[in-house]
């Protein structure tokens, strides 16, 4: 920092700091200090950018192993409809869930061969699975009413994921996931036996 003799603070003085490494800029004006930060792109934002390029260049690959795990039905013969019935869902809610599952599956099939779409879906599946097991299934095991479970599902999983997508999806020109798609992912995982809506171990 250099002060010129006889000057007032903030006038005709300079400040140099070579330690800055985050892309910040100091703008020196009399009486004010402004810091302009250029936010680094997140991993998800980078995937959305890459996805557009992959589609334009037709860059595809086989489905990665980690994602295949979610796309593979685990042991068990019950499908989505029966699992939700066991969980106490009303018929109308089951029909809605089946439509949401198909809505997601249709979009997933369209983009499943693009590497970045696979990475995005893997992130979302992991988020859903972890939070469902940690926060939702314990309530199910306690016998909490399904309406209250669905309220928690929205508050703990669906709304935060949509917030994450909105904050990191400025370059999302293709997937454009909505709340319906996130519910569709939840019911897709249910149909693949990755999520349960009743405690089968205690039946």
C-alpha atoms as a PDB file:
ATOM      1  CA  UNK A   1       0.000   0.000   0.000  1.00  0.00           C
ATOM      2  CA  UNK A   2       1.362   3.425  -0.923  1.00  0.00           C
ATOM      3  CA  UNK A   3       0.203   6.729   0.595  1.00  0.00           C
ATOM      4  CA  UNK A   4       1.238   9.927  -1.131  1.00  0.00           C
ATOM      5  CA  UNK A   5       2.354  12.657   1.212  1.00  0.00           C
ATOM      6  CA  UNK A   6      -0.270  15.292   1.746  1.00  0.00           C
ATOM      7  CA  UNK A   7      -3.092  13.248   0.261  1.00  0.00           C
ATOM      8  CA  UNK A   8      -6.389  12.384   1.885  1.00  0.00           C
ATOM      9  CA  UNK A   9      -7.242   8.793   2.675  1.00  0.00           C
ATOM     10  CA  UNK A  10      -8.775   7.183  -0.367  1.00  0.00           C
ATOM     11  CA  UNK A  11      -7.397   9.754  -2.821  1.00  0.00           C
ATOM     12  CA  UNK A  12      -4.351   9.258  -5.073  1.00  0.00           C
ATOM     13  CA  UNK A  13      -3.299   6.186  -3.110  1.00  0.00           C
ATOM     14  CA  UNK A  14      -2.823   2.677  -4.430  1.00  0.00           C
ATOM     15  CA  UNK A  15      -3.175  -0.800  -3.004  1.00  0.00           C
ATOM     16  CA  UNK A  16      -1.487  -3.819  -4.523  1.00  0.00           C
ATOM     17  CA  UNK A  17      -1.820  -7.293  -3.087  1.00  0.00           C
ATOM     18  CA  UNK A  18      -0.310 -10.132  -5.078  1.00  0.00           C
ATOM     19  CA  UNK A  19      -1.790 -12.675  -2.688  1.00  0.00           C
ATOM     20  CA  UNK A  20      -5.210 -12.463  -4.287  1.00  0.00           C
ATOM     21  CA  UNK A  21      -5.915 -15.571  -6.309  1.00  0.00           C
ATOM     22  CA  UNK A  22      -9.683 -15.834  -6.491  1.00  0.00           C
ATOM     23  CA  UNK A  23     -10.333 -13.548  -9.427  1.00  0.00           C
ATOM     24  CA  UNK A  24     -11.358 -10.619  -7.174  1.00  0.00           C
ATOM     25  CA  UNK A  25     -10.731  -7.037  -8.265  1.00  0.00           C
ATOM     26  CA  UNK A  26     -10.262  -4.062  -5.960  1.00  0.00           C
ATOM     27  CA  UNK A  27     -11.603  -0.792  -7.339  1.00  0.00           C
ATOM     28  CA  UNK A  28     -10.221   2.217  -5.488  1.00  0.00           C
ATOM     29  CA  UNK A  29     -12.526   5.196  -5.373  1.00  0.00           C
ATOM     30  CA  UNK A  30     -12.537   7.988  -2.784  1.00  0.00           C
ATOM     31  CA  UNK A  31     -14.353   6.782   0.302  1.00  0.00           C
ATOM     32  CA  UNK A  32     -15.384   3.379  -1.137  1.00  0.00           C
ATOM     33  CA  UNK A  33     -13.928  -0.066  -1.674  1.00  0.00           C
ATOM     34  CA  UNK A  34     -15.708  -2.381  -4.128  1.00  0.00           C
ATOM     35  CA  UNK A  35     -14.947  -6.056  -4.536  1.00  0.00           C
ATOM     36  CA  UNK A  36     -16.095  -7.802  -7.722  1.00  0.00           C
ATOM     37  CA  UNK A  37     -16.105 -11.587  -7.410  1.00  0.00           C
ATOM     38  CA  UNK A  38     -16.342 -13.819 -10.434  1.00  0.00           C
ATOM     39  CA  UNK A  39     -17.962 -17.023  -9.163  1.00  0.00           C
ATOM     40  CA  UNK A  40     -16.295 -20.237 -10.205  1.00  0.00           C
ATOM     41  CA  UNK A  41     -18.558 -22.635 -12.108  1.00  0.00           C
ATOM     42  CA  UNK A  42     -19.864 -25.540 -10.062  1.00  0.00           C
ATOM     43  CA  UNK A  43     -19.496 -29.154 -11.065  1.00  0.00           C
ATOM     44  CA  UNK A  44     -23.154 -29.332 -12.084  1.00  0.00           C
ATOM     45  CA  UNK A  45     -22.926 -26.134 -14.110  1.00  0.00           C
ATOM     46  CA  UNK A  46     -19.884 -27.573 -15.890  1.00  0.00           C
ATOM     47  CA  UNK A  47     -21.882 -30.712 -16.710  1.00  0.00           C
ATOM     48  CA  UNK A  48     -24.683 -28.630 -18.221  1.00  0.00           C
ATOM     49  CA  UNK A  49     -22.172 -26.750 -20.381  1.00  0.00           C
ATOM     50  CA  UNK A  50     -20.572 -29.988 -21.499  1.00  0.00           C
ATOM     51  CA  UNK A  51     -23.916 -31.610 -22.263  1.00  0.00           C
ATOM     52  CA  UNK A  52     -24.734 -28.973 -24.867  1.00  0.00           C
ATOM     53  CA  UNK A  53     -21.394 -29.612 -26.588  1.00  0.00           C
ATOM     54  CA  UNK A  54     -21.877 -33.382 -26.428  1.00  0.00           C
ATOM     55  CA  UNK A  55     -25.278 -33.135 -28.073  1.00  0.00           C
ATOM     56  CA  UNK A  56     -23.963 -30.838 -30.799  1.00  0.00           C
ATOM     57  CA  UNK A  57     -21.026 -33.181 -31.490  1.00  0.00           C
ATOM     58  CA  UNK A  58     -22.958 -36.406 -30.875  1.00  0.00           C
ATOM     59  CA  UNK A  59     -20.478 -37.438 -28.177  1.00  0.00           C
ATOM     60  CA  UNK A  60     -21.845 -40.524 -26.447  1.00  0.00           C
ATOM     61  CA  UNK A  61     -20.655 -43.399 -24.271  1.00  0.00           C
ATOM     62  CA  UNK A  62     -21.955 -46.506 -22.563  1.00  0.00           C
ATOM     63  CA  UNK A  63     -23.805 -45.915 -19.296  1.00  0.00           C
ATOM     64  CA  UNK A  64     -21.297 -45.676 -16.458  1.00  0.00           C
ATOM     65  CA  UNK A  65     -21.224 -48.399 -13.817  1.00  0.00           C
ATOM     66  CA  UNK A  66     -22.317 -46.199 -10.907  1.00  0.00           C
ATOM     67  CA  UNK A  67     -25.427 -45.116 -12.791  1.00  0.00           C
ATOM     68  CA  UNK A  68     -26.164 -48.660 -13.930  1.00  0.00           C
ATOM     69  CA  UNK A  69     -26.544 -49.567 -10.263  1.00  0.00           C
ATOM     70  CA  UNK A  70     -29.498 -47.205  -9.960  1.00  0.00           C
ATOM     71  CA  UNK A  71     -30.901 -48.397 -13.295  1.00  0.00           C
ATOM     72  CA  UNK A  72     -30.816 -52.044 -12.176  1.00  0.00           C
ATOM     73  CA  UNK A  73     -33.742 -53.566 -10.310  1.00  0.00           C
ATOM     74  CA  UNK A  74     -32.659 -54.979  -6.979  1.00  0.00           C
ATOM     75  CA  UNK A  75     -33.834 -58.277  -5.577  1.00  0.00           C
ATOM     76  CA  UNK A  76     -37.579 -58.333  -5.109  1.00  0.00           C
ATOM     77  CA  UNK A  77     -40.610 -58.868  -7.286  1.00  0.00           C
ATOM     78  CA  UNK A  78     -42.713 -55.864  -6.296  1.00  0.00           C
ATOM     79  CA  UNK A  79     -42.990 -52.966  -8.714  1.00  0.00           C
ATOM     80  CA  UNK A  80     -43.884 -49.331  -8.157  1.00  0.00           C
ATOM     81  CA  UNK A  81     -47.643 -49.789  -7.945  1.00  0.00           C
ATOM     82  CA  UNK A  82     -47.488 -52.545  -5.337  1.00  0.00           C
ATOM     83  CA  UNK A  83     -44.825 -50.766  -3.288  1.00  0.00           C
ATOM     84  CA  UNK A  84     -46.890 -47.591  -3.064  1.00  0.00           C
ATOM     85  CA  UNK A  85     -49.985 -49.606  -2.213  1.00  0.00           C
ATOM     86  CA  UNK A  86     -48.028 -51.205   0.637  1.00  0.00           C
ATOM     87  CA  UNK A  87     -47.015 -47.707   1.718  1.00  0.00           C
ATOM     88  CA  UNK A  88     -50.626 -46.569   2.095  1.00  0.00           C
ATOM     89  CA  UNK A  89     -50.906 -44.406  -1.024  1.00  0.00           C
ATOM     90  CA  UNK A  90     -54.374 -43.659  -2.380  1.00  0.00           C
ATOM     91  CA  UNK A  91     -55.244 -44.962  -5.845  1.00  0.00           C
ATOM     92  CA  UNK A  92     -55.198 -41.469  -7.336  1.00  0.00           C
ATOM     93  CA  UNK A  93     -51.751 -40.800  -5.851  1.00  0.00           C
ATOM     94  CA  UNK A  94     -50.424 -44.080  -7.251  1.00  0.00           C
ATOM     95  CA  UNK A  95     -51.685 -43.181 -10.720  1.00  0.00           C
ATOM     96  CA  UNK A  96     -50.021 -39.770 -10.441  1.00  0.00           C
ATOM     97  CA  UNK A  97     -46.751 -41.357  -9.313  1.00  0.00           C
ATOM     98  CA  UNK A  98     -46.775 -43.762 -12.243  1.00  0.00           C
ATOM     99  CA  UNK A  99     -47.252 -40.861 -14.661  1.00  0.00           C
ATOM    100  CA  UNK A 100     -44.354 -38.949 -13.092  1.00  0.00           C
ATOM    101  CA  UNK A 101     -42.134 -42.010 -13.359  1.00  0.00           C
ATOM    102  CA  UNK A 102     -42.918 -42.341 -17.063  1.00  0.00           C
ATOM    103  CA  UNK A 103     -42.367 -38.621 -17.603  1.00  0.00           C
ATOM    104  CA  UNK A 104     -38.886 -38.865 -16.133  1.00  0.00           C
ATOM    105  CA  UNK A 105     -38.074 -42.163 -17.889  1.00  0.00           C
ATOM    106  CA  UNK A 106     -38.965 -40.693 -21.271  1.00  0.00           C
ATOM    107  CA  UNK A 107     -36.540 -37.803 -20.825  1.00  0.00           C
ATOM    108  CA  UNK A 108     -33.858 -40.028 -19.309  1.00  0.00           C
ATOM    109  CA  UNK A 109     -33.976 -42.356 -22.297  1.00  0.00           C
ATOM    110  CA  UNK A 110     -33.515 -39.435 -24.688  1.00  0.00           C
ATOM    111  CA  UNK A 111     -30.272 -38.303 -23.008  1.00  0.00           C
ATOM    112  CA  UNK A 112     -28.956 -41.486 -21.393  1.00  0.00           C
ATOM    113  CA  UNK A 113     -25.991 -41.911 -23.763  1.00  0.00           C
ATOM    114  CA  UNK A 114     -24.500 -38.447 -23.166  1.00  0.00           C
ATOM    115  CA  UNK A 115     -21.718 -38.497 -20.547  1.00  0.00           C
ATOM    116  CA  UNK A 116     -22.673 -35.272 -18.785  1.00  0.00           C
ATOM    117  CA  UNK A 117     -26.354 -36.236 -18.536  1.00  0.00           C
ATOM    118  CA  UNK A 118     -25.245 -39.437 -16.861  1.00  0.00           C
ATOM    119  CA  UNK A 119     -23.169 -37.496 -14.353  1.00  0.00           C
ATOM    120  CA  UNK A 120     -26.051 -35.134 -13.571  1.00  0.00           C
ATOM    121  CA  UNK A 121     -28.478 -38.008 -13.053  1.00  0.00           C
ATOM    122  CA  UNK A 122     -25.935 -39.786 -10.877  1.00  0.00           C
ATOM    123  CA  UNK A 123     -25.620 -36.707  -8.659  1.00  0.00           C
ATOM    124  CA  UNK A 124     -29.394 -36.380  -8.347  1.00  0.00           C
ATOM    125  CA  UNK A 125     -29.971 -40.077  -7.692  1.00  0.00           C
ATOM    126  CA  UNK A 126     -27.307 -40.021  -4.993  1.00  0.00           C
ATOM    127  CA  UNK A 127     -28.884 -36.976  -3.352  1.00  0.00           C
ATOM    128  CA  UNK A 128     -32.339 -38.535  -3.414  1.00  0.00           C
ATOM    129  CA  UNK A 129     -31.207 -41.912  -2.108  1.00  0.00           C
ATOM    130  CA  UNK A 130     -29.075 -40.506   0.717  1.00  0.00           C
ATOM    131  CA  UNK A 131     -31.720 -38.111   2.015  1.00  0.00           C
ATOM    132  CA  UNK A 132     -34.550 -40.599   1.643  1.00  0.00           C
ATOM    133  CA  UNK A 133     -32.676 -43.206   3.673  1.00  0.00           C
ATOM    134  CA  UNK A 134     -31.515 -40.677   6.258  1.00  0.00           C
ATOM    135  CA  UNK A 135     -34.644 -38.615   6.809  1.00  0.00           C
ATOM    136  CA  UNK A 136     -37.712 -40.121   5.114  1.00  0.00           C
ATOM    137  CA  UNK A 137     -37.479 -43.860   5.707  1.00  0.00           C
ATOM    138  CA  UNK A 138     -37.084 -43.529   9.510  1.00  0.00           C
ATOM    139  CA  UNK A 139     -40.493 -41.785   9.569  1.00  0.00           C
ATOM    140  CA  UNK A 140     -41.948 -44.545   7.413  1.00  0.00           C
ATOM    141  CA  UNK A 141     -40.627 -47.157   9.843  1.00  0.00           C
ATOM    142  CA  UNK A 142     -42.298 -45.297  12.722  1.00  0.00           C
ATOM    143  CA  UNK A 143     -45.641 -45.449  10.933  1.00  0.00           C
ATOM    144  CA  UNK A 144     -45.948 -41.721  10.257  1.00  0.00           C
ATOM    145  CA  UNK A 145     -48.988 -40.906   8.117  1.00  0.00           C
ATOM    146  CA  UNK A 146     -48.207 -40.895   4.389  1.00  0.00           C
ATOM    147  CA  UNK A 147     -49.412 -37.298   3.991  1.00  0.00           C
ATOM    148  CA  UNK A 148     -46.846 -36.126   6.540  1.00  0.00           C
ATOM    149  CA  UNK A 149     -44.161 -38.261   4.909  1.00  0.00           C
ATOM    150  CA  UNK A 150     -44.923 -36.635   1.547  1.00  0.00           C
ATOM    151  CA  UNK A 151     -44.705 -33.190   3.119  1.00  0.00           C
ATOM    152  CA  UNK A 152     -41.251 -34.036   4.450  1.00  0.00           C
ATOM    153  CA  UNK A 153     -40.277 -35.513   1.079  1.00  0.00           C
ATOM    154  CA  UNK A 154     -41.066 -32.211  -0.592  1.00  0.00           C
ATOM    155  CA  UNK A 155     -39.296 -30.089   2.020  1.00  0.00           C
ATOM    156  CA  UNK A 156     -36.196 -32.264   2.460  1.00  0.00           C
ATOM    157  CA  UNK A 157     -35.614 -33.649  -1.035  1.00  0.00           C
ATOM    158  CA  UNK A 158     -37.655 -32.119  -3.860  1.00  0.00           C
ATOM    159  CA  UNK A 159     -37.483 -28.421  -3.004  1.00  0.00           C
ATOM    160  CA  UNK A 160     -33.725 -28.390  -2.185  1.00  0.00           C
ATOM    161  CA  UNK A 161     -32.922 -30.284  -5.396  1.00  0.00           C
ATOM    162  CA  UNK A 162     -34.934 -27.810  -7.458  1.00  0.00           C
ATOM    163  CA  UNK A 163     -33.101 -24.981  -5.698  1.00  0.00           C
ATOM    164  CA  UNK A 164     -29.788 -26.621  -6.602  1.00  0.00           C
ATOM    165  CA  UNK A 165     -30.857 -27.014 -10.232  1.00  0.00           C
ATOM    166  CA  UNK A 166     -32.063 -23.417 -10.441  1.00  0.00           C
ATOM    167  CA  UNK A 167     -28.820 -22.105  -8.960  1.00  0.00           C
ATOM    168  CA  UNK A 168     -26.588 -24.225 -11.200  1.00  0.00           C
ATOM    169  CA  UNK A 169     -28.671 -24.529 -14.339  1.00  0.00           C
ATOM    170  CA  UNK A 170     -28.000 -21.266 -16.137  1.00  0.00           C
ATOM    171  CA  UNK A 171     -26.521 -23.274 -19.025  1.00  0.00           C
ATOM    172  CA  UNK A 172     -29.099 -26.051 -18.966  1.00  0.00           C
ATOM    173  CA  UNK A 173     -30.631 -25.941 -22.440  1.00  0.00           C
ATOM    174  CA  UNK A 174     -31.623 -29.587 -22.621  1.00  0.00           C
ATOM    175  CA  UNK A 175     -32.635 -31.512 -19.477  1.00  0.00           C
ATOM    176  CA  UNK A 176     -34.717 -28.707 -17.953  1.00  0.00           C
ATOM    177  CA  UNK A 177     -35.807 -30.845 -15.030  1.00  0.00           C
ATOM    178  CA  UNK A 178     -38.936 -29.717 -13.204  1.00  0.00           C
ATOM    179  CA  UNK A 179     -40.456 -30.725  -9.883  1.00  0.00           C
ATOM    180  CA  UNK A 180     -42.404 -33.405 -11.759  1.00  0.00           C
ATOM    181  CA  UNK A 181     -39.161 -34.932 -13.038  1.00  0.00           C
ATOM    182  CA  UNK A 182     -37.665 -35.035  -9.531  1.00  0.00           C
ATOM    183  CA  UNK A 183     -40.742 -36.850  -8.239  1.00  0.00           C
ATOM    184  CA  UNK A 184     -40.407 -39.087 -11.281  1.00  0.00           C
ATOM    185  CA  UNK A 185     -36.848 -39.944 -10.252  1.00  0.00           C
ATOM    186  CA  UNK A 186     -38.063 -40.815  -6.759  1.00  0.00           C
ATOM    187  CA  UNK A 187     -40.712 -43.165  -8.115  1.00  0.00           C
ATOM    188  CA  UNK A 188     -38.282 -44.575 -10.662  1.00  0.00           C
ATOM    189  CA  UNK A 189     -35.952 -45.518  -7.799  1.00  0.00           C
ATOM    190  CA  UNK A 190     -38.931 -46.956  -5.949  1.00  0.00           C
ATOM    191  CA  UNK A 191     -39.819 -49.157  -8.912  1.00  0.00           C
ATOM    192  CA  UNK A 192     -36.212 -50.358  -9.040  1.00  0.00           C
ATOM    193  CA  UNK A 193     -36.443 -51.289  -5.337  1.00  0.00           C
ATOM    194  CA  UNK A 194     -33.876 -48.703  -4.221  1.00  0.00           C
ATOM    195  CA  UNK A 195     -36.507 -46.943  -2.080  1.00  0.00           C
ATOM    196  CA  UNK A 196     -39.188 -48.528   0.089  1.00  0.00           C
ATOM    197  CA  UNK A 197     -42.385 -46.997   1.452  1.00  0.00           C
ATOM    198  CA  UNK A 198     -42.958 -49.576   4.163  1.00  0.00           C
ATOM    199  CA  UNK A 199     -40.661 -51.549   6.461  1.00  0.00           C
ATOM    200  CA  UNK A 200     -40.753 -54.980   4.811  1.00  0.00           C
ATOM    201  CA  UNK A 201     -38.357 -56.394   7.410  1.00  0.00           C
ATOM    202  CA  UNK A 202     -40.999 -55.993  10.111  1.00  0.00           C
ATOM    203  CA  UNK A 203     -44.064 -57.195   8.156  1.00  0.00           C
END
